[in-house]
């Protein structure tokens, strides 16, 4: 996926929404290239179990680098329908493809309201610039 087509949260998660075969909206969530550059040298990731219900802003896992441990926050409300479990063994590949094979979880939306709070790519780039990186 191209980052220009995604939505972004203030906490650096990206969102791509698609409609599945049942007509439900499913959000694929990942972490932005900007955040990955700040973290560097990833050593561990923890993702939620399928079936867990999340609220917007709730921590659903964590990502650890040699520098720090950072929480991963859900930018939407819904139930986890898939997790990218193999990522734990492929963390070195995450920075090279954060918007493709670097997805973390898929969440079936229970409410689409939170999507209106997310930024488009241009607004997210502005936020990153203001953070001084």
N, C-alpha and C. Protein backbone atom coordinates (compact mmCIF):
# COMPACT_ATOMS: atom_id res chain seq x y z
N UNK A 1 0.84 -1.18 0.00
CA UNK A 1 0.00 0.00 0.00
C UNK A 1 0.88 1.24 0.00
N UNK A 2 0.39 2.27 -0.59
CA UNK A 2 1.12 3.53 -0.59
C UNK A 2 0.69 4.35 0.62
N UNK A 3 1.64 4.95 1.34
CA UNK A 3 1.27 5.72 2.53
C UNK A 3 0.30 6.86 2.21
N UNK A 4 0.36 7.38 0.99
CA UNK A 4 -0.52 8.49 0.61
C UNK A 4 -1.99 8.09 0.60
N UNK A 5 -2.28 6.78 0.59
CA UNK A 5 -3.67 6.31 0.56
C UNK A 5 -4.18 5.91 1.94
N UNK A 6 -3.35 6.05 2.97
CA UNK A 6 -3.70 5.59 4.31
C UNK A 6 -4.13 6.73 5.21
N UNK A 7 -4.73 6.36 6.33
CA UNK A 7 -5.05 7.31 7.41
C UNK A 7 -4.06 7.05 8.54
N UNK A 8 -3.78 8.07 9.34
CA UNK A 8 -2.79 7.96 10.41
C UNK A 8 -3.32 8.50 11.73
N UNK A 9 -2.88 7.86 12.83
CA UNK A 9 -3.23 8.35 14.16
C UNK A 9 -2.10 9.23 14.68
N UNK A 10 -2.39 9.99 15.72
CA UNK A 10 -1.36 10.84 16.33
C UNK A 10 -0.24 10.00 16.95
N UNK A 11 -0.55 8.73 17.27
CA UNK A 11 0.43 7.85 17.90
C UNK A 11 1.17 6.98 16.86
N UNK A 12 1.09 7.36 15.58
CA UNK A 12 1.88 6.79 14.49
C UNK A 12 1.42 5.42 13.96
N UNK A 13 0.18 5.04 14.27
CA UNK A 13 -0.36 3.85 13.62
C UNK A 13 -1.03 4.28 12.32
N UNK A 14 -0.96 3.42 11.30
CA UNK A 14 -1.64 3.69 10.04
C UNK A 14 -2.85 2.76 9.92
N UNK A 15 -3.81 3.20 9.11
CA UNK A 15 -5.07 2.46 8.95
C UNK A 15 -5.44 2.40 7.47
N UNK A 16 -5.82 1.21 7.04
CA UNK A 16 -6.36 1.02 5.69
C UNK A 16 -7.67 0.25 5.85
N UNK A 17 -8.78 0.83 5.39
CA UNK A 17 -10.10 0.21 5.57
C UNK A 17 -10.57 -0.39 4.26
N UNK A 18 -11.03 -1.64 4.35
CA UNK A 18 -11.61 -2.34 3.21
C UNK A 18 -12.92 -2.97 3.65
N UNK A 19 -13.77 -3.29 2.69
CA UNK A 19 -15.00 -4.00 2.98
C UNK A 19 -14.78 -5.47 2.65
N UNK A 20 -15.08 -6.37 3.62
CA UNK A 20 -14.85 -7.79 3.38
C UNK A 20 -16.03 -8.42 2.63
N UNK A 21 -15.98 -9.71 2.41
CA UNK A 21 -16.99 -10.40 1.61
C UNK A 21 -18.38 -10.38 2.25
N UNK A 22 -18.45 -10.12 3.56
CA UNK A 22 -19.75 -10.06 4.24
C UNK A 22 -20.30 -8.63 4.26
N UNK A 23 -19.52 -7.68 3.75
CA UNK A 23 -19.95 -6.29 3.77
C UNK A 23 -19.47 -5.52 4.99
N UNK A 24 -18.75 -6.21 5.88
CA UNK A 24 -18.22 -5.55 7.08
C UNK A 24 -16.97 -4.75 6.72
N UNK A 25 -16.75 -3.65 7.44
CA UNK A 25 -15.54 -2.85 7.25
C UNK A 25 -14.44 -3.41 8.15
N UNK A 26 -13.29 -3.68 7.53
CA UNK A 26 -12.15 -4.22 8.27
C UNK A 26 -10.97 -3.26 8.09
N UNK A 27 -10.40 -2.86 9.23
CA UNK A 27 -9.24 -1.95 9.22
C UNK A 27 -7.97 -2.75 9.41
N UNK A 28 -7.04 -2.59 8.46
CA UNK A 28 -5.70 -3.15 8.62
C UNK A 28 -4.87 -2.06 9.30
N UNK A 29 -4.16 -2.42 10.36
CA UNK A 29 -3.40 -1.46 11.16
C UNK A 29 -1.93 -1.83 11.13
N UNK A 30 -1.09 -0.80 11.03
CA UNK A 30 0.35 -1.00 11.10
C UNK A 30 0.99 0.18 11.81
N UNK A 31 2.30 0.22 11.80
CA UNK A 31 3.04 1.32 12.42
C UNK A 31 3.82 2.04 11.32
N UNK A 32 3.86 3.35 11.39
CA UNK A 32 4.42 4.15 10.29
C UNK A 32 5.94 4.02 10.19
N UNK A 33 6.44 4.32 8.99
CA UNK A 33 7.88 4.34 8.75
C UNK A 33 8.56 5.35 9.66
N UNK A 34 7.90 6.48 9.90
CA UNK A 34 8.44 7.52 10.79
C UNK A 34 8.71 6.94 12.18
N UNK A 35 7.73 6.23 12.73
CA UNK A 35 7.87 5.64 14.07
C UNK A 35 8.96 4.58 14.08
N UNK A 36 9.01 3.78 13.03
CA UNK A 36 10.03 2.73 12.95
C UNK A 36 11.44 3.31 12.88
N UNK A 37 11.59 4.42 12.17
CA UNK A 37 12.90 5.09 12.11
C UNK A 37 13.32 5.58 13.49
N UNK A 38 12.35 6.07 14.26
CA UNK A 38 12.65 6.57 15.60
C UNK A 38 13.01 5.42 16.54
N UNK A 39 12.37 4.27 16.36
CA UNK A 39 12.62 3.13 17.24
C UNK A 39 13.97 2.46 16.95
N UNK A 40 14.26 2.22 15.70
CA UNK A 40 15.45 1.47 15.25
C UNK A 40 15.61 0.12 15.95
N UNK A 41 16.41 -0.75 15.42
CA UNK A 41 16.79 -2.04 16.01
C UNK A 41 15.70 -2.71 16.85
N UNK A 42 14.67 -3.21 16.18
CA UNK A 42 13.56 -3.86 16.86
C UNK A 42 13.98 -5.23 17.40
N UNK A 43 13.50 -5.54 18.62
CA UNK A 43 13.85 -6.82 19.22
C UNK A 43 12.63 -7.66 19.60
N UNK A 44 11.46 -7.05 19.73
CA UNK A 44 10.30 -7.80 20.21
C UNK A 44 9.01 -7.07 19.83
N UNK A 45 7.96 -7.86 19.54
CA UNK A 45 6.64 -7.29 19.33
C UNK A 45 5.61 -8.20 19.99
N UNK A 46 4.62 -7.59 20.61
CA UNK A 46 3.53 -8.33 21.22
C UNK A 46 2.23 -7.85 20.59
N UNK A 47 1.45 -8.79 20.06
CA UNK A 47 0.18 -8.47 19.41
C UNK A 47 -0.96 -9.13 20.17
N UNK A 48 -2.18 -8.60 20.02
CA UNK A 48 -3.32 -9.15 20.76
C UNK A 48 -3.81 -10.48 20.17
N UNK A 49 -4.63 -11.17 20.94
CA UNK A 49 -5.24 -12.40 20.46
C UNK A 49 -6.44 -12.08 19.57
N UNK A 50 -6.66 -12.92 18.56
CA UNK A 50 -7.85 -12.78 17.71
C UNK A 50 -9.08 -12.90 18.61
N UNK A 51 -10.05 -12.04 18.36
CA UNK A 51 -11.28 -12.04 19.16
C UNK A 51 -11.32 -10.93 20.19
N UNK A 52 -10.17 -10.36 20.51
CA UNK A 52 -10.14 -9.28 21.51
C UNK A 52 -10.86 -8.05 20.95
N UNK A 53 -11.67 -7.42 21.79
CA UNK A 53 -12.37 -6.20 21.40
C UNK A 53 -11.56 -5.00 21.88
N UNK A 54 -11.38 -4.03 20.98
CA UNK A 54 -10.58 -2.85 21.29
C UNK A 54 -11.40 -1.58 21.15
N UNK A 55 -11.06 -0.60 21.95
CA UNK A 55 -11.63 0.74 21.85
C UNK A 55 -10.56 1.67 21.30
N UNK A 56 -10.97 2.72 20.64
CA UNK A 56 -10.04 3.72 20.13
C UNK A 56 -9.15 4.23 21.26
N UNK A 57 -7.84 4.24 21.01
CA UNK A 57 -6.89 4.75 22.00
C UNK A 57 -6.39 3.70 22.98
N UNK A 58 -6.98 2.50 22.95
CA UNK A 58 -6.56 1.44 23.86
C UNK A 58 -5.28 0.78 23.35
N UNK A 59 -4.36 0.50 24.27
CA UNK A 59 -3.13 -0.20 23.89
C UNK A 59 -3.49 -1.65 23.56
N UNK A 60 -3.01 -2.13 22.42
CA UNK A 60 -3.32 -3.51 22.04
C UNK A 60 -2.07 -4.38 22.00
N UNK A 61 -0.93 -3.79 22.19
CA UNK A 61 0.32 -4.54 22.17
C UNK A 61 1.48 -3.59 22.39
N UNK A 62 2.68 -4.12 22.17
CA UNK A 62 3.85 -3.26 22.30
C UNK A 62 4.93 -3.71 21.34
N UNK A 63 5.77 -2.74 21.04
CA UNK A 63 6.93 -3.00 20.18
C UNK A 63 8.16 -2.51 20.94
N UNK A 64 9.19 -3.33 20.93
CA UNK A 64 10.38 -3.03 21.71
C UNK A 64 11.60 -2.96 20.79
N UNK A 65 12.38 -1.93 21.03
CA UNK A 65 13.66 -1.79 20.33
C UNK A 65 14.76 -1.79 21.38
N UNK A 66 16.00 -1.71 20.92
CA UNK A 66 17.09 -1.64 21.90
C UNK A 66 17.03 -0.33 22.68
N UNK A 67 16.30 0.67 22.15
CA UNK A 67 16.19 1.97 22.80
C UNK A 67 15.04 2.07 23.80
N UNK A 68 13.87 1.50 23.44
CA UNK A 68 12.68 1.74 24.24
C UNK A 68 11.59 0.70 23.95
N UNK A 69 10.62 0.66 24.85
CA UNK A 69 9.40 -0.13 24.64
C UNK A 69 8.27 0.87 24.39
N UNK A 70 7.53 0.66 23.32
CA UNK A 70 6.43 1.57 22.97
C UNK A 70 5.13 0.79 22.85
N UNK A 71 4.07 1.35 23.41
CA UNK A 71 2.75 0.75 23.26
C UNK A 71 2.25 0.97 21.85
N UNK A 72 1.44 0.03 21.38
CA UNK A 72 0.73 0.16 20.11
C UNK A 72 -0.72 0.44 20.45
N UNK A 73 -1.30 1.48 19.86
CA UNK A 73 -2.66 1.91 20.20
C UNK A 73 -3.62 1.67 19.05
N UNK A 74 -4.82 1.24 19.40
CA UNK A 74 -5.84 1.03 18.38
C UNK A 74 -6.41 2.37 17.94
N UNK A 75 -6.38 2.65 16.64
CA UNK A 75 -6.97 3.90 16.15
C UNK A 75 -8.48 3.77 15.89
N UNK A 76 -9.04 2.57 16.12
CA UNK A 76 -10.45 2.32 15.82
C UNK A 76 -11.08 1.42 16.89
N UNK A 77 -12.43 1.35 16.88
CA UNK A 77 -13.18 0.43 17.74
C UNK A 77 -13.50 -0.82 16.95
N UNK A 78 -13.35 -1.98 17.58
CA UNK A 78 -13.75 -3.21 16.91
C UNK A 78 -13.08 -4.43 17.49
N UNK A 79 -13.29 -5.56 16.81
CA UNK A 79 -12.75 -6.84 17.25
C UNK A 79 -11.59 -7.26 16.35
N UNK A 80 -10.55 -7.77 16.97
CA UNK A 80 -9.39 -8.27 16.22
C UNK A 80 -9.81 -9.54 15.47
N UNK A 81 -9.65 -9.52 14.15
CA UNK A 81 -10.01 -10.69 13.34
C UNK A 81 -8.77 -11.39 12.76
N UNK A 82 -7.61 -10.74 12.82
CA UNK A 82 -6.36 -11.36 12.36
C UNK A 82 -5.18 -10.63 12.98
N UNK A 83 -4.12 -11.38 13.24
CA UNK A 83 -2.86 -10.78 13.70
C UNK A 83 -1.74 -11.33 12.82
N UNK A 84 -0.72 -10.53 12.64
CA UNK A 84 0.43 -10.90 11.82
C UNK A 84 1.46 -11.58 12.71
N UNK A 85 1.11 -12.77 13.18
CA UNK A 85 1.95 -13.48 14.16
C UNK A 85 3.36 -13.76 13.69
N UNK A 86 3.55 -14.02 12.39
CA UNK A 86 4.89 -14.35 11.90
C UNK A 86 5.84 -13.16 11.98
N UNK A 87 5.30 -11.97 12.19
CA UNK A 87 6.13 -10.77 12.27
C UNK A 87 7.14 -10.85 13.42
N UNK A 88 6.78 -11.54 14.49
CA UNK A 88 7.68 -11.65 15.64
C UNK A 88 9.03 -12.25 15.24
N UNK A 89 9.01 -13.12 14.23
CA UNK A 89 10.25 -13.75 13.78
C UNK A 89 10.88 -13.03 12.59
N UNK A 90 10.24 -11.95 12.15
CA UNK A 90 10.70 -11.21 10.97
C UNK A 90 10.80 -9.72 11.25
N UNK A 91 11.08 -9.35 12.49
CA UNK A 91 11.08 -7.92 12.85
C UNK A 91 12.02 -7.09 11.99
N UNK A 92 13.13 -7.67 11.55
CA UNK A 92 14.08 -6.91 10.74
C UNK A 92 13.47 -6.50 9.40
N UNK A 93 12.40 -7.18 8.96
CA UNK A 93 11.76 -6.83 7.69
C UNK A 93 10.73 -5.71 7.84
N UNK A 94 10.31 -5.44 9.05
CA UNK A 94 9.26 -4.44 9.27
C UNK A 94 9.62 -3.05 8.72
N UNK A 95 10.79 -2.49 9.01
CA UNK A 95 11.12 -1.16 8.49
C UNK A 95 11.20 -1.09 6.96
N UNK A 96 11.49 -2.20 6.29
CA UNK A 96 11.61 -2.15 4.84
C UNK A 96 10.26 -2.18 4.12
N UNK A 97 9.20 -2.61 4.80
CA UNK A 97 7.88 -2.67 4.17
C UNK A 97 6.78 -2.41 5.20
N UNK A 98 6.81 -1.24 5.88
CA UNK A 98 5.85 -0.99 6.95
C UNK A 98 4.40 -0.90 6.48
N UNK A 99 4.20 -0.55 5.21
CA UNK A 99 2.83 -0.35 4.70
C UNK A 99 2.31 -1.53 3.89
N UNK A 100 3.07 -2.61 3.85
CA UNK A 100 2.66 -3.80 3.11
C UNK A 100 2.69 -4.99 4.03
N UNK A 101 3.79 -5.75 3.94
CA UNK A 101 3.95 -6.93 4.78
C UNK A 101 4.12 -6.56 6.26
N UNK A 102 4.24 -5.29 6.56
CA UNK A 102 4.42 -4.84 7.94
C UNK A 102 3.13 -4.61 8.70
N UNK A 103 2.00 -5.02 8.16
CA UNK A 103 0.74 -4.85 8.91
C UNK A 103 0.82 -5.62 10.23
N UNK A 104 0.09 -5.15 11.24
CA UNK A 104 0.13 -5.78 12.56
C UNK A 104 -1.14 -6.56 12.88
N UNK A 105 -2.29 -5.87 12.75
CA UNK A 105 -3.58 -6.50 13.07
C UNK A 105 -4.64 -6.06 12.08
N UNK A 106 -5.70 -6.85 12.01
CA UNK A 106 -6.90 -6.49 11.25
C UNK A 106 -8.05 -6.46 12.23
N UNK A 107 -8.81 -5.36 12.20
CA UNK A 107 -9.89 -5.15 13.15
C UNK A 107 -11.19 -4.92 12.40
N UNK A 108 -12.20 -5.73 12.74
CA UNK A 108 -13.54 -5.55 12.17
C UNK A 108 -14.18 -4.40 12.93
N UNK A 109 -14.49 -3.33 12.21
CA UNK A 109 -14.98 -2.12 12.86
C UNK A 109 -16.37 -2.32 13.46
N UNK A 110 -16.53 -1.84 14.70
CA UNK A 110 -17.84 -1.84 15.33
C UNK A 110 -18.46 -0.45 15.24
N UNK A 111 -17.61 0.54 14.96
CA UNK A 111 -18.05 1.93 14.86
C UNK A 111 -17.03 2.66 13.97
N UNK A 112 -17.53 3.41 13.00
CA UNK A 112 -16.61 4.09 12.07
C UNK A 112 -16.28 5.52 12.48
N UNK A 113 -16.84 5.98 13.59
CA UNK A 113 -16.66 7.37 14.03
C UNK A 113 -15.18 7.75 14.17
N UNK A 114 -14.38 6.85 14.72
CA UNK A 114 -12.97 7.15 14.98
C UNK A 114 -12.20 7.46 13.71
N UNK A 115 -12.66 6.94 12.59
CA UNK A 115 -11.96 7.20 11.32
C UNK A 115 -11.91 8.69 11.01
N UNK A 116 -12.92 9.43 11.45
CA UNK A 116 -12.98 10.87 11.19
C UNK A 116 -11.91 11.64 11.96
N UNK A 117 -11.38 11.02 13.01
CA UNK A 117 -10.36 11.68 13.83
C UNK A 117 -8.95 11.46 13.29
N UNK A 118 -8.81 10.56 12.33
CA UNK A 118 -7.48 10.23 11.80
C UNK A 118 -7.03 11.25 10.76
N UNK A 119 -5.74 11.33 10.57
CA UNK A 119 -5.15 12.28 9.62
C UNK A 119 -4.90 11.63 8.27
N UNK A 120 -4.97 12.43 7.22
CA UNK A 120 -4.50 11.94 5.93
C UNK A 120 -2.97 12.07 5.92
N UNK A 121 -2.37 11.60 4.86
CA UNK A 121 -0.91 11.55 4.78
C UNK A 121 -0.28 12.94 4.93
N UNK A 122 -0.84 13.94 4.27
CA UNK A 122 -0.27 15.30 4.33
C UNK A 122 -0.29 15.84 5.76
N UNK A 123 -1.40 15.65 6.46
CA UNK A 123 -1.50 16.12 7.85
C UNK A 123 -0.53 15.35 8.74
N UNK A 124 -0.39 14.07 8.49
CA UNK A 124 0.53 13.25 9.27
C UNK A 124 1.99 13.69 9.04
N UNK A 125 2.33 13.99 7.79
CA UNK A 125 3.68 14.47 7.48
C UNK A 125 3.97 15.76 8.23
N UNK A 126 2.95 16.62 8.31
CA UNK A 126 3.10 17.89 9.04
C UNK A 126 3.36 17.61 10.51
N UNK A 127 2.60 16.68 11.10
CA UNK A 127 2.82 16.33 12.51
C UNK A 127 4.23 15.81 12.72
N UNK A 128 4.69 14.95 11.83
CA UNK A 128 6.05 14.40 11.97
C UNK A 128 7.11 15.50 11.90
N UNK A 129 6.91 16.45 11.00
CA UNK A 129 7.84 17.57 10.88
C UNK A 129 7.86 18.40 12.16
N UNK A 130 6.67 18.58 12.75
CA UNK A 130 6.58 19.38 13.99
C UNK A 130 7.22 18.66 15.18
N UNK A 131 7.29 17.33 15.09
CA UNK A 131 7.94 16.57 16.16
C UNK A 131 9.46 16.67 16.07
N UNK A 132 9.94 17.34 15.02
CA UNK A 132 11.35 17.65 14.93
C UNK A 132 12.26 16.54 14.41
N UNK A 133 11.71 15.65 13.59
CA UNK A 133 12.55 14.56 13.05
C UNK A 133 12.86 14.82 11.61
